[in-house]
Amino acid sequence: MAKERRSAELALLTSYEGHGTGETYRQYEGLFQHDDDTGLYTLPTIMQFVKFLVDVSRQTSVNEFQIFPACLVTMSVNRVEKAVADGTPADDTLPLLDVIGRELSVRTRQADRAGRFEHTFALLLTRTMAQRARDHYVDRTSGYLSEAAKQAGIPSAFCFGIASLTEHVIRDPDDMLMKSLRALKAAQGREQHAIRRGAATVAVYDLRSMPLDTT
């Protein structure tokens, strides 16, 4: 009688216990996140994700279509911005920043990343074009955040600035951040391209009307 054939057992090429469960990697997330339990990444970490996308786009050839659209969105909280302008101590704005941060972490898609630097939030949206981010993401997200702030007893509106990896001639991560922040400034100042979306004012970076201060 012929012997029954048996497939060779799969041998994992790693010594990590719990491979495939994600448990072994969670302990490292804290190295890249703020220590305030919001789950938000630091700006250097967000910029590393941006750098990866920029580098991938440079490695494609004419016959490849692997450049994934992505947007870097910077966001400010109007109530926090006013407090900062009025000279309010930074600690007084932390409760609202924490509320907004936790809500962003919960609402952010698995393939996207949410972070914060000082009192500005940075959101990396993958597979997203600028117009879609402006017309859908901002409207939906500002609604979630507005409701969370209202429930916390500190209601606020928001401003968003959007820069697109594939639409705004991005050269490097710093360039993308500067263009997103320039668009945020346009939203905050209600400049020409600033429009209302839900509980927010948003602007998409414009190459012609938003010069960058590179000095």
N, C-alpha and C. Protein backbone atom coordinates (compact mmCIF):
# COMPACT_ATOMS: atom_id res chain seq x y z
N MET A 1 0.85 -1.19 0.00
CA MET A 1 0.00 0.00 0.00
C MET A 1 0.89 1.24 0.00
N ALA A 2 0.57 2.16 -0.90
CA ALA A 2 1.37 3.38 -1.00
C ALA A 2 1.21 4.21 0.26
N LYS A 3 2.32 4.81 0.66
CA LYS A 3 2.26 5.65 1.84
C LYS A 3 1.52 6.95 1.53
N GLU A 4 0.75 7.41 2.49
CA GLU A 4 0.00 8.65 2.31
C GLU A 4 0.98 9.83 2.27
N ARG A 5 0.80 10.64 1.26
CA ARG A 5 1.67 11.80 1.13
C ARG A 5 1.26 12.88 2.13
N ARG A 6 2.26 13.50 2.72
CA ARG A 6 2.00 14.57 3.68
C ARG A 6 2.82 15.79 3.31
N SER A 7 2.17 16.93 3.32
CA SER A 7 2.88 18.17 3.03
C SER A 7 3.80 18.53 4.17
N ALA A 8 4.91 19.11 3.80
CA ALA A 8 5.85 19.54 4.84
C ALA A 8 5.21 20.64 5.67
N GLU A 9 5.44 20.59 6.98
CA GLU A 9 4.89 21.60 7.85
C GLU A 9 5.61 22.93 7.63
N LEU A 10 4.80 23.99 7.72
CA LEU A 10 5.35 25.33 7.51
C LEU A 10 6.23 25.71 8.70
N ALA A 11 7.45 26.10 8.42
CA ALA A 11 8.37 26.55 9.47
C ALA A 11 8.49 28.06 9.39
N LEU A 12 8.18 28.74 10.48
CA LEU A 12 8.26 30.19 10.51
C LEU A 12 9.71 30.64 10.50
N LEU A 13 10.00 31.64 9.69
CA LEU A 13 11.36 32.14 9.58
C LEU A 13 11.60 33.26 10.59
N THR A 14 11.20 33.06 11.79
CA THR A 14 11.39 34.05 12.84
C THR A 14 11.39 33.37 14.19
N SER A 15 12.04 33.97 15.13
CA SER A 15 12.07 33.42 16.48
C SER A 15 11.11 34.13 17.41
N TYR A 16 10.36 35.14 16.87
CA TYR A 16 9.41 35.86 17.72
C TYR A 16 8.27 34.95 18.15
N GLU A 17 8.01 34.92 19.43
CA GLU A 17 6.85 34.19 19.91
C GLU A 17 5.60 35.00 19.58
N GLY A 18 4.53 34.29 19.29
CA GLY A 18 3.30 34.98 18.94
C GLY A 18 3.32 35.57 17.55
N HIS A 19 4.17 35.05 16.68
CA HIS A 19 4.28 35.57 15.31
C HIS A 19 2.92 35.50 14.62
N GLY A 20 2.56 36.63 14.00
CA GLY A 20 1.30 36.68 13.27
C GLY A 20 0.14 37.20 14.10
N THR A 21 0.33 37.31 15.41
CA THR A 21 -0.77 37.79 16.26
C THR A 21 -0.69 39.29 16.49
N GLY A 22 0.46 39.87 16.24
CA GLY A 22 0.64 41.29 16.49
C GLY A 22 1.07 41.59 17.91
N GLU A 23 0.98 40.60 18.79
CA GLU A 23 1.29 40.83 20.19
C GLU A 23 2.75 41.23 20.38
N THR A 24 3.64 40.65 19.58
CA THR A 24 5.07 40.91 19.78
C THR A 24 5.49 42.29 19.31
N TYR A 25 4.62 42.98 18.54
CA TYR A 25 5.00 44.26 17.98
C TYR A 25 4.42 45.43 18.75
N ARG A 26 3.38 45.19 19.52
CA ARG A 26 2.72 46.29 20.22
C ARG A 26 3.61 46.96 21.25
N GLN A 27 4.54 46.19 21.80
CA GLN A 27 5.42 46.77 22.82
C GLN A 27 6.32 47.85 22.23
N TYR A 28 6.49 47.84 20.91
CA TYR A 28 7.36 48.83 20.27
C TYR A 28 6.62 50.09 19.85
N GLU A 29 5.29 50.03 19.79
CA GLU A 29 4.54 51.19 19.33
C GLU A 29 4.78 52.39 20.22
N GLY A 30 4.98 52.13 21.52
CA GLY A 30 5.19 53.23 22.44
C GLY A 30 6.43 54.05 22.13
N LEU A 31 7.37 53.48 21.42
CA LEU A 31 8.58 54.21 21.05
C LEU A 31 8.30 55.29 20.01
N PHE A 32 7.18 55.15 19.31
CA PHE A 32 6.87 56.06 18.21
C PHE A 32 5.63 56.91 18.49
N GLN A 33 5.04 56.74 19.65
CA GLN A 33 3.82 57.45 19.98
C GLN A 33 4.03 58.37 21.17
N HIS A 34 3.11 59.31 21.33
CA HIS A 34 3.14 60.19 22.51
C HIS A 34 2.79 59.37 23.75
N ASP A 35 3.31 59.78 24.88
CA ASP A 35 3.08 59.04 26.12
C ASP A 35 1.86 59.55 26.89
N ASP A 36 0.83 59.99 26.14
CA ASP A 36 -0.37 60.53 26.77
C ASP A 36 -1.58 59.61 26.60
N ASP A 37 -1.33 58.38 26.15
CA ASP A 37 -2.39 57.38 25.98
C ASP A 37 -3.42 57.74 24.90
N THR A 38 -3.09 58.67 24.03
CA THR A 38 -4.00 58.98 22.93
C THR A 38 -3.82 58.03 21.76
N GLY A 39 -2.64 57.40 21.66
CA GLY A 39 -2.35 56.55 20.51
C GLY A 39 -1.85 57.31 19.31
N LEU A 40 -1.59 58.60 19.45
CA LEU A 40 -1.11 59.43 18.35
C LEU A 40 0.39 59.25 18.17
N TYR A 41 0.82 59.26 16.92
CA TYR A 41 2.24 59.15 16.61
C TYR A 41 2.91 60.51 16.74
N THR A 42 4.22 60.49 16.95
CA THR A 42 4.99 61.73 16.95
C THR A 42 5.19 62.19 15.50
N LEU A 43 5.55 63.45 15.33
CA LEU A 43 5.75 63.96 13.97
C LEU A 43 6.90 63.25 13.25
N PRO A 44 8.05 62.98 13.90
CA PRO A 44 9.10 62.24 13.18
C PRO A 44 8.62 60.90 12.66
N THR A 45 7.76 60.24 13.41
CA THR A 45 7.23 58.95 12.94
C THR A 45 6.34 59.13 11.72
N ILE A 46 5.45 60.11 11.77
CA ILE A 46 4.60 60.40 10.61
C ILE A 46 5.45 60.72 9.39
N MET A 47 6.52 61.47 9.59
CA MET A 47 7.39 61.84 8.48
C MET A 47 8.12 60.63 7.90
N GLN A 48 8.39 59.63 8.72
CA GLN A 48 9.01 58.42 8.21
C GLN A 48 8.03 57.66 7.31
N PHE A 49 6.77 57.66 7.67
CA PHE A 49 5.75 57.04 6.81
C PHE A 49 5.66 57.80 5.48
N VAL A 50 5.70 59.13 5.55
CA VAL A 50 5.67 59.95 4.34
C VAL A 50 6.90 59.66 3.48
N LYS A 51 8.06 59.58 4.11
CA LYS A 51 9.29 59.30 3.37
C LYS A 51 9.20 57.97 2.63
N PHE A 52 8.61 56.98 3.26
CA PHE A 52 8.44 55.69 2.60
C PHE A 52 7.61 55.84 1.33
N LEU A 53 6.51 56.58 1.41
CA LEU A 53 5.65 56.77 0.24
C LEU A 53 6.37 57.56 -0.85
N VAL A 54 7.13 58.57 -0.46
CA VAL A 54 7.89 59.35 -1.44
C VAL A 54 8.93 58.47 -2.12
N ASP A 55 9.65 57.66 -1.32
CA ASP A 55 10.68 56.79 -1.88
C ASP A 55 10.08 55.75 -2.83
N VAL A 56 8.94 55.20 -2.48
CA VAL A 56 8.28 54.22 -3.35
C VAL A 56 7.91 54.87 -4.67
N SER A 57 7.42 56.10 -4.63
CA SER A 57 7.01 56.76 -5.87
C SER A 57 8.20 57.01 -6.78
N ARG A 58 9.40 57.19 -6.22
CA ARG A 58 10.58 57.44 -7.03
C ARG A 58 11.13 56.17 -7.65
N GLN A 59 10.76 55.02 -7.15
CA GLN A 59 11.31 53.76 -7.64
C GLN A 59 10.47 53.16 -8.76
N THR A 60 9.38 53.79 -9.12
CA THR A 60 8.55 53.25 -10.18
C THR A 60 9.07 53.69 -11.54
N SER A 61 8.77 52.89 -12.55
CA SER A 61 9.17 53.22 -13.92
C SER A 61 7.95 53.58 -14.75
N VAL A 62 8.18 53.90 -16.01
CA VAL A 62 7.09 54.33 -16.89
C VAL A 62 6.03 53.25 -17.00
N ASN A 63 6.44 52.00 -16.98
CA ASN A 63 5.51 50.90 -17.19
C ASN A 63 4.90 50.37 -15.90
N GLU A 64 5.17 51.01 -14.81
CA GLU A 64 4.61 50.58 -13.54
C GLU A 64 3.61 51.61 -13.04
N PHE A 65 2.60 51.12 -12.34
CA PHE A 65 1.58 52.00 -11.79
C PHE A 65 1.45 51.71 -10.30
N GLN A 66 2.50 52.02 -9.58
CA GLN A 66 2.56 51.72 -8.16
C GLN A 66 2.61 52.97 -7.30
N ILE A 67 2.39 54.13 -7.89
CA ILE A 67 2.40 55.36 -7.11
C ILE A 67 1.03 55.52 -6.46
N PHE A 68 1.00 55.36 -5.15
CA PHE A 68 -0.27 55.42 -4.44
C PHE A 68 -0.59 56.86 -4.05
N PRO A 69 -1.78 57.33 -4.37
CA PRO A 69 -2.14 58.69 -3.92
C PRO A 69 -2.20 58.74 -2.40
N ALA A 70 -1.74 59.83 -1.85
CA ALA A 70 -1.77 60.01 -0.40
C ALA A 70 -1.80 61.50 -0.10
N CYS A 71 -2.40 61.85 1.02
CA CYS A 71 -2.47 63.24 1.44
C CYS A 71 -1.94 63.38 2.86
N LEU A 72 -1.22 64.46 3.09
CA LEU A 72 -0.84 64.83 4.45
C LEU A 72 -1.74 65.99 4.86
N VAL A 73 -2.52 65.75 5.89
CA VAL A 73 -3.49 66.73 6.37
C VAL A 73 -3.03 67.25 7.73
N THR A 74 -2.88 68.55 7.84
CA THR A 74 -2.61 69.15 9.15
C THR A 74 -3.89 69.81 9.65
N MET A 75 -4.10 69.74 10.95
CA MET A 75 -5.37 70.21 11.51
C MET A 75 -5.12 70.97 12.80
N SER A 76 -5.80 72.08 12.95
CA SER A 76 -5.74 72.85 14.20
C SER A 76 -7.13 72.94 14.81
N VAL A 77 -7.15 73.10 16.11
CA VAL A 77 -8.39 73.22 16.86
C VAL A 77 -8.59 74.70 17.17
N ASN A 78 -9.68 75.28 16.70
CA ASN A 78 -9.87 76.72 16.80
C ASN A 78 -9.78 77.23 18.23
N ARG A 79 -10.38 76.49 19.14
CA ARG A 79 -10.39 76.93 20.53
C ARG A 79 -8.97 76.92 21.12
N VAL A 80 -8.18 75.93 20.73
CA VAL A 80 -6.80 75.86 21.21
C VAL A 80 -5.98 76.98 20.59
N GLU A 81 -6.16 77.22 19.29
CA GLU A 81 -5.42 78.28 18.63
C GLU A 81 -5.71 79.64 19.27
N LYS A 82 -6.95 79.87 19.62
CA LYS A 82 -7.30 81.15 20.27
C LYS A 82 -6.65 81.24 21.64
N ALA A 83 -6.64 80.14 22.37
CA ALA A 83 -6.02 80.14 23.70
C ALA A 83 -4.52 80.43 23.60
N VAL A 84 -3.88 79.81 22.61
CA VAL A 84 -2.45 80.04 22.41
C VAL A 84 -2.19 81.50 22.05
N ALA A 85 -3.02 82.06 21.17
CA ALA A 85 -2.86 83.46 20.76
C ALA A 85 -3.08 84.41 21.94
N ASP A 86 -3.95 84.03 22.87
CA ASP A 86 -4.24 84.86 24.03
C ASP A 86 -3.23 84.69 25.15
N GLY A 87 -2.27 83.77 24.96
CA GLY A 87 -1.25 83.56 25.97
C GLY A 87 -1.65 82.62 27.09
N THR A 88 -2.68 81.81 26.85
CA THR A 88 -3.11 80.84 27.86
C THR A 88 -2.02 79.80 28.06
N PRO A 89 -1.75 79.41 29.31
CA PRO A 89 -0.73 78.37 29.55
C PRO A 89 -1.03 77.10 28.76
N ALA A 90 0.01 76.46 28.26
CA ALA A 90 -0.14 75.28 27.40
C ALA A 90 -0.92 74.17 28.10
N ASP A 91 -0.72 74.02 29.41
CA ASP A 91 -1.39 72.94 30.14
C ASP A 91 -2.90 73.07 30.10
N ASP A 92 -3.40 74.31 29.96
CA ASP A 92 -4.84 74.52 29.94
C ASP A 92 -5.49 74.00 28.66
N THR A 93 -4.70 73.81 27.60
CA THR A 93 -5.25 73.31 26.33
C THR A 93 -5.14 71.80 26.20
N LEU A 94 -4.41 71.14 27.12
CA LEU A 94 -4.18 69.71 26.99
C LEU A 94 -5.46 68.88 27.06
N PRO A 95 -6.42 69.21 27.94
CA PRO A 95 -7.64 68.38 27.97
C PRO A 95 -8.33 68.27 26.62
N LEU A 96 -8.46 69.40 25.92
CA LEU A 96 -9.11 69.37 24.61
C LEU A 96 -8.26 68.64 23.59
N LEU A 97 -6.95 68.84 23.63
CA LEU A 97 -6.06 68.14 22.71
C LEU A 97 -6.14 66.62 22.93
N ASP A 98 -6.26 66.20 24.18
CA ASP A 98 -6.36 64.78 24.48
C ASP A 98 -7.67 64.20 23.97
N VAL A 99 -8.76 64.95 24.16
CA VAL A 99 -10.07 64.50 23.68
C VAL A 99 -10.04 64.32 22.16
N ILE A 100 -9.52 65.32 21.47
CA ILE A 100 -9.45 65.26 20.01
C ILE A 100 -8.51 64.15 19.57
N GLY A 101 -7.38 64.00 20.26
CA GLY A 101 -6.41 62.98 19.90
C GLY A 101 -6.97 61.58 20.01
N ARG A 102 -7.67 61.31 21.10
CA ARG A 102 -8.25 59.97 21.28
C ARG A 102 -9.30 59.67 20.23
N GLU A 103 -10.10 60.68 19.90
CA GLU A 103 -11.14 60.48 18.89
C GLU A 103 -10.51 60.24 17.52
N LEU A 104 -9.45 60.95 17.21
CA LEU A 104 -8.76 60.74 15.93
C LEU A 104 -8.17 59.33 15.85
N SER A 105 -7.60 58.87 16.94
CA SER A 105 -7.00 57.53 16.95
C SER A 105 -8.06 56.47 16.69
N VAL A 106 -9.21 56.63 17.29
CA VAL A 106 -10.29 55.66 17.13
C VAL A 106 -10.83 55.67 15.70
N ARG A 107 -10.92 56.87 15.12
CA ARG A 107 -11.57 57.02 13.81
C ARG A 107 -10.61 56.81 12.62
N THR A 108 -9.31 56.79 12.86
CA THR A 108 -8.36 56.69 11.76
C THR A 108 -8.31 55.27 11.19
N ARG A 109 -8.36 55.17 9.88
CA ARG A 109 -8.31 53.86 9.22
C ARG A 109 -6.99 53.16 9.50
N GLN A 110 -7.01 51.83 9.40
CA GLN A 110 -5.83 51.04 9.72
C GLN A 110 -4.64 51.40 8.84
N ALA A 111 -4.89 51.74 7.59
CA ALA A 111 -3.79 52.06 6.66
C ALA A 111 -3.33 53.50 6.77
N ASP A 112 -4.01 54.32 7.56
CA ASP A 112 -3.64 55.72 7.73
C ASP A 112 -2.93 55.91 9.07
N ARG A 113 -2.42 57.10 9.31
CA ARG A 113 -1.72 57.40 10.55
C ARG A 113 -2.13 58.77 11.06
N ALA A 114 -2.33 58.86 12.37
CA ALA A 114 -2.68 60.13 13.01
C ALA A 114 -1.61 60.49 14.03
N GLY A 115 -1.17 61.73 14.01
CA GLY A 115 -0.14 62.17 14.93
C GLY A 115 -0.38 63.60 15.39
N ARG A 116 0.50 64.07 16.25
CA ARG A 116 0.39 65.44 16.75
C ARG A 116 1.78 65.99 17.05
N PHE A 117 1.99 67.28 16.76
CA PHE A 117 3.20 67.97 17.19
C PHE A 117 2.77 69.32 17.76
N GLU A 118 3.19 69.58 19.00
CA GLU A 118 2.75 70.75 19.74
C GLU A 118 1.22 70.75 19.77
N HIS A 119 0.56 71.77 19.24
CA HIS A 119 -0.91 71.79 19.28
C HIS A 119 -1.51 71.63 17.88
N THR A 120 -0.75 71.04 16.96
CA THR A 120 -1.23 70.77 15.60
C THR A 120 -1.24 69.28 15.35
N PHE A 121 -2.29 68.80 14.70
CA PHE A 121 -2.41 67.38 14.37
C PHE A 121 -1.96 67.15 12.93
N ALA A 122 -1.39 65.98 12.68
CA ALA A 122 -0.95 65.59 11.34
C ALA A 122 -1.54 64.23 11.01
N LEU A 123 -2.18 64.14 9.85
CA LEU A 123 -2.88 62.92 9.46
C LEU A 123 -2.42 62.50 8.07
N LEU A 124 -1.88 61.31 7.98
CA LEU A 124 -1.46 60.76 6.69
C LEU A 124 -2.57 59.85 6.18
N LEU A 125 -3.17 60.26 5.06
CA LEU A 125 -4.27 59.51 4.46
C LEU A 125 -3.77 58.82 3.20
N THR A 126 -3.81 57.51 3.17
CA THR A 126 -3.34 56.77 2.00
C THR A 126 -4.48 56.52 1.03
N ARG A 127 -4.10 56.33 -0.25
CA ARG A 127 -5.08 56.07 -1.31
C ARG A 127 -6.19 57.12 -1.32
N THR A 128 -5.79 58.36 -1.19
CA THR A 128 -6.76 59.46 -1.10
C THR A 128 -6.25 60.65 -1.89
N MET A 129 -7.10 61.22 -2.73
CA MET A 129 -6.77 62.42 -3.49
C MET A 129 -7.22 63.65 -2.70
N ALA A 130 -6.65 64.80 -3.04
CA ALA A 130 -6.89 66.02 -2.27
C ALA A 130 -8.36 66.41 -2.25
N GLN A 131 -9.03 66.35 -3.39
CA GLN A 131 -10.43 66.78 -3.44
C GLN A 131 -11.31 65.87 -2.59
N ARG A 132 -11.03 64.58 -2.63
CA ARG A 132 -11.82 63.65 -1.81
C ARG A 132 -11.57 63.90 -0.32
N ALA A 133 -10.32 64.15 0.02
CA ALA A 133 -10.01 64.46 1.42
C ALA A 133 -10.75 65.73 1.86
N ARG A 134 -10.77 66.73 0.98
CA ARG A 134 -11.44 67.99 1.31
C ARG A 134 -12.95 67.82 1.45
N ASP A 135 -13.57 67.14 0.48
CA ASP A 135 -15.03 67.10 0.41
C ASP A 135 -15.66 66.02 1.28
N HIS A 136 -14.92 64.97 1.59
CA HIS A 136 -15.51 63.86 2.35
C HIS A 136 -14.83 63.66 3.70
N TYR A 137 -13.50 63.52 3.70
CA TYR A 137 -12.81 63.24 4.95
C TYR A 137 -12.99 64.38 5.96
N VAL A 138 -12.78 65.61 5.54
CA VAL A 138 -12.86 66.74 6.45
C VAL A 138 -14.26 66.89 7.02
N ASP A 139 -15.26 66.80 6.17
CA ASP A 139 -16.65 66.93 6.61
C ASP A 139 -16.99 65.87 7.65
N ARG A 140 -16.65 64.62 7.34
CA ARG A 140 -16.97 63.52 8.25
C ARG A 140 -16.17 63.60 9.55
N THR A 141 -14.87 63.85 9.42
CA THR A 141 -14.01 63.86 10.60
C THR A 141 -14.32 65.03 11.53
N SER A 142 -14.55 66.20 10.96
CA SER A 142 -14.87 67.34 11.81
C SER A 142 -16.17 67.12 12.56
N GLY A 143 -17.09 66.36 11.98
CA GLY A 143 -18.33 66.03 12.68
C GLY A 143 -18.07 65.17 13.91
N TYR A 144 -17.23 64.12 13.75
CA TYR A 144 -16.87 63.27 14.88
C TYR A 144 -16.19 64.09 15.98
N LEU A 145 -15.23 64.90 15.57
CA LEU A 145 -14.45 65.64 16.54
C LEU A 145 -15.28 66.71 17.24
N SER A 146 -16.16 67.36 16.49
CA SER A 146 -17.02 68.37 17.08
C SER A 146 -17.93 67.77 18.14
N GLU A 147 -18.45 66.60 17.85
CA GLU A 147 -19.33 65.93 18.81
C GLU A 147 -18.54 65.50 20.06
N ALA A 148 -17.33 65.00 19.86
CA ALA A 148 -16.50 64.59 21.00
C ALA A 148 -16.15 65.78 21.88
N ALA A 149 -15.81 66.90 21.26
CA ALA A 149 -15.47 68.10 22.03
C ALA A 149 -16.69 68.63 22.78
N LYS A 150 -17.85 68.57 22.13
CA LYS A 150 -19.08 69.04 22.76
C LYS A 150 -19.43 68.18 23.97
N GLN A 151 -19.27 66.88 23.84
CA GLN A 151 -19.56 65.98 24.96
C GLN A 151 -18.60 66.20 26.12
N ALA A 152 -17.39 66.65 25.80
CA ALA A 152 -16.40 66.93 26.85
C ALA A 152 -16.61 68.31 27.47
N GLY A 153 -17.57 69.06 26.96
CA GLY A 153 -17.87 70.37 27.52
C GLY A 153 -16.96 71.47 27.03
N ILE A 154 -16.21 71.21 25.96
CA ILE A 154 -15.30 72.23 25.40
C ILE A 154 -15.45 72.25 23.88
N PRO A 155 -16.61 72.68 23.39
CA PRO A 155 -16.88 72.64 21.95
C PRO A 155 -15.92 73.51 21.15
N SER A 156 -15.66 73.09 19.93
CA SER A 156 -14.75 73.85 19.07
C SER A 156 -14.99 73.49 17.61
N ALA A 157 -14.57 74.39 16.73
CA ALA A 157 -14.51 74.11 15.30
C ALA A 157 -13.04 73.86 14.96
N PHE A 158 -12.75 73.58 13.68
CA PHE A 158 -11.41 73.14 13.30
C PHE A 158 -11.00 73.74 11.95
N CYS A 159 -9.69 73.70 11.70
CA CYS A 159 -9.16 74.09 10.39
C CYS A 159 -8.28 72.96 9.86
N PHE A 160 -8.35 72.72 8.55
CA PHE A 160 -7.59 71.66 7.91
C PHE A 160 -6.80 72.22 6.73
N GLY A 161 -5.57 71.73 6.57
CA GLY A 161 -4.77 72.04 5.40
C GLY A 161 -4.35 70.74 4.73
N ILE A 162 -4.46 70.66 3.40
CA ILE A 162 -4.24 69.41 2.68
C ILE A 162 -3.16 69.58 1.62
N ALA A 163 -2.20 68.66 1.61
CA ALA A 163 -1.21 68.58 0.53
C ALA A 163 -1.20 67.16 0.00
N SER A 164 -1.17 67.01 -1.31
CA SER A 164 -1.26 65.70 -1.95
C SER A 164 0.09 65.27 -2.52
N LEU A 165 0.44 64.04 -2.26
CA LEU A 165 1.71 63.49 -2.75
C LEU A 165 1.76 63.48 -4.27
N THR A 166 0.69 63.11 -4.91
CA THR A 166 0.68 62.95 -6.36
C THR A 166 0.21 64.19 -7.12
N GLU A 167 -0.32 65.17 -6.43
CA GLU A 167 -0.88 66.33 -7.12
C GLU A 167 -0.08 67.62 -6.93
N HIS A 168 0.78 67.67 -5.95
CA HIS A 168 1.42 68.93 -5.59
C HIS A 168 2.94 68.91 -5.72
N VAL A 169 3.44 68.09 -6.63
CA VAL A 169 4.86 68.06 -6.97
C VAL A 169 5.72 67.98 -5.70
N ILE A 170 5.43 66.98 -4.90
CA ILE A 170 6.14 66.80 -3.64
C ILE A 170 7.56 66.30 -3.91
N ARG A 171 8.55 66.95 -3.30
CA ARG A 171 9.96 66.58 -3.49
C ARG A 171 10.47 65.68 -2.38
N ASP A 172 10.01 65.94 -1.16
CA ASP A 172 10.49 65.19 -0.01
C ASP A 172 9.49 65.38 1.13
N PRO A 173 9.64 64.67 2.24
CA PRO A 173 8.68 64.79 3.35
C PRO A 173 8.55 66.21 3.89
N ASP A 174 9.67 66.93 4.01
CA ASP A 174 9.61 68.30 4.51
C ASP A 174 8.79 69.19 3.58
N ASP A 175 8.93 68.98 2.29
CA ASP A 175 8.17 69.74 1.31
C ASP A 175 6.68 69.49 1.47
N MET A 176 6.32 68.24 1.69
CA MET A 176 4.91 67.90 1.86
C MET A 176 4.34 68.52 3.13
N LEU A 177 5.13 68.50 4.20
CA LEU A 177 4.67 69.09 5.46
C LEU A 177 4.51 70.61 5.31
N MET A 178 5.47 71.27 4.67
CA MET A 178 5.39 72.72 4.50
C MET A 178 4.16 73.11 3.68
N LYS A 179 3.86 72.32 2.65
CA LYS A 179 2.71 72.64 1.81
C LYS A 179 1.39 72.40 2.55
N SER A 180 1.36 71.36 3.38
CA SER A 180 0.17 71.11 4.18
C SER A 180 -0.03 72.23 5.20
N LEU A 181 1.06 72.66 5.85
CA LEU A 181 0.97 73.74 6.83
C LEU A 181 0.61 75.07 6.17
N ARG A 182 1.08 75.27 4.94
CA ARG A 182 0.71 76.51 4.22
C ARG A 182 -0.78 76.50 3.91
N ALA A 183 -1.30 75.35 3.53
CA ALA A 183 -2.74 75.24 3.29
C ALA A 183 -3.52 75.44 4.58
N LEU A 184 -2.99 74.93 5.69
CA LEU A 184 -3.64 75.13 6.99
C LEU A 184 -3.70 76.61 7.33
N LYS A 185 -2.61 77.32 7.07
CA LYS A 185 -2.59 78.77 7.31
C LYS A 185 -3.65 79.47 6.46
N ALA A 186 -3.83 79.01 5.22
CA ALA A 186 -4.86 79.59 4.35
C ALA A 186 -6.25 79.35 4.92
N ALA A 187 -6.47 78.17 5.50
CA ALA A 187 -7.77 77.87 6.11
C ALA A 187 -7.99 78.73 7.34
N GLN A 188 -6.96 78.87 8.16
CA GLN A 188 -7.08 79.67 9.37
C GLN A 188 -7.33 81.14 9.06
N GLY A 189 -6.71 81.63 7.98
CA GLY A 189 -6.86 83.03 7.60
C GLY A 189 -8.02 83.28 6.66
N ARG A 190 -8.80 82.24 6.38
CA ARG A 190 -9.94 82.35 5.45
C ARG A 190 -9.51 82.97 4.13
N GLU A 191 -8.40 82.47 3.61
CA GLU A 191 -7.88 82.98 2.34
C GLU A 191 -8.71 82.50 1.16
N GLN A 192 -8.25 82.81 -0.02
CA GLN A 192 -9.02 82.60 -1.25
C GLN A 192 -9.57 81.18 -1.41
N HIS A 193 -8.76 80.17 -1.14
CA HIS A 193 -9.17 78.80 -1.41
C HIS A 193 -9.78 78.10 -0.19
N ALA A 194 -9.99 78.83 0.88
CA ALA A 194 -10.58 78.24 2.08
C ALA A 194 -12.09 78.11 1.92
N ILE A 195 -12.61 76.95 2.26
CA ILE A 195 -14.05 76.71 2.18
C ILE A 195 -14.52 76.02 3.45
N ARG A 196 -15.81 76.08 3.69
CA ARG A 196 -16.40 75.44 4.85
C ARG A 196 -16.80 74.02 4.51
N ARG A 197 -16.50 73.11 5.44
CA ARG A 197 -16.94 71.72 5.33
C ARG A 197 -17.34 71.27 6.73
N GLY A 198 -18.65 71.18 6.96
CA GLY A 198 -19.13 70.75 8.27
C GLY A 198 -18.69 71.74 9.36
N ALA A 199 -18.03 71.20 10.39
CA ALA A 199 -17.58 72.03 11.51
C ALA A 199 -16.16 72.53 11.29
N ALA A 200 -15.74 72.63 10.04
CA ALA A 200 -14.35 72.98 9.76
C ALA A 200 -14.23 73.94 8.58
N THR A 201 -13.09 74.62 8.54
CA THR A 201 -12.67 75.38 7.36
C THR A 201 -11.46 74.66 6.81
N VAL A 202 -11.43 74.45 5.50
CA VAL A 202 -10.36 73.64 4.89
C VAL A 202 -9.83 74.32 3.64
N ALA A 203 -8.54 74.12 3.40
CA ALA A 203 -7.91 74.61 2.16
C ALA A 203 -6.98 73.54 1.63
N VAL A 204 -6.98 73.37 0.32
CA VAL A 204 -6.05 72.48 -0.36
C VAL A 204 -4.90 73.35 -0.88
N TYR A 205 -3.69 72.86 -0.74
CA TYR A 205 -2.54 73.63 -1.19
C TYR A 205 -2.66 73.98 -2.67
N ASP A 206 -2.35 75.23 -3.00
CA ASP A 206 -2.39 75.72 -4.37
C ASP A 206 -1.02 76.25 -4.75
N LEU A 207 -0.44 75.69 -5.80
CA LEU A 207 0.92 76.04 -6.21
C LEU A 207 1.06 77.51 -6.60
N ARG A 208 -0.01 78.10 -7.12
CA ARG A 208 0.08 79.46 -7.65
C ARG A 208 -0.15 80.53 -6.59
N SER A 209 -1.02 80.26 -5.63
CA SER A 209 -1.41 81.32 -4.69
C SER A 209 -0.91 81.13 -3.27
N MET A 210 -0.14 80.07 -3.03
CA MET A 210 0.34 79.81 -1.66
C MET A 210 1.85 79.67 -1.67
N PRO A 211 2.57 80.78 -1.78
CA PRO A 211 4.04 80.70 -1.77
C PRO A 211 4.55 80.18 -0.44
N LEU A 212 5.65 79.43 -0.49
CA LEU A 212 6.23 78.87 0.72
C LEU A 212 7.34 79.76 1.21
N ASP A 213 7.39 79.93 2.53
CA ASP A 213 8.47 80.70 3.14
C ASP A 213 9.62 79.73 3.42
N THR A 214 10.62 79.73 2.58
CA THR A 214 11.71 78.79 2.71
C THR A 214 12.95 79.41 3.34
N THR A 215 12.81 80.63 3.86
CA THR A 215 13.96 81.28 4.49
C THR A 215 14.15 80.79 5.91
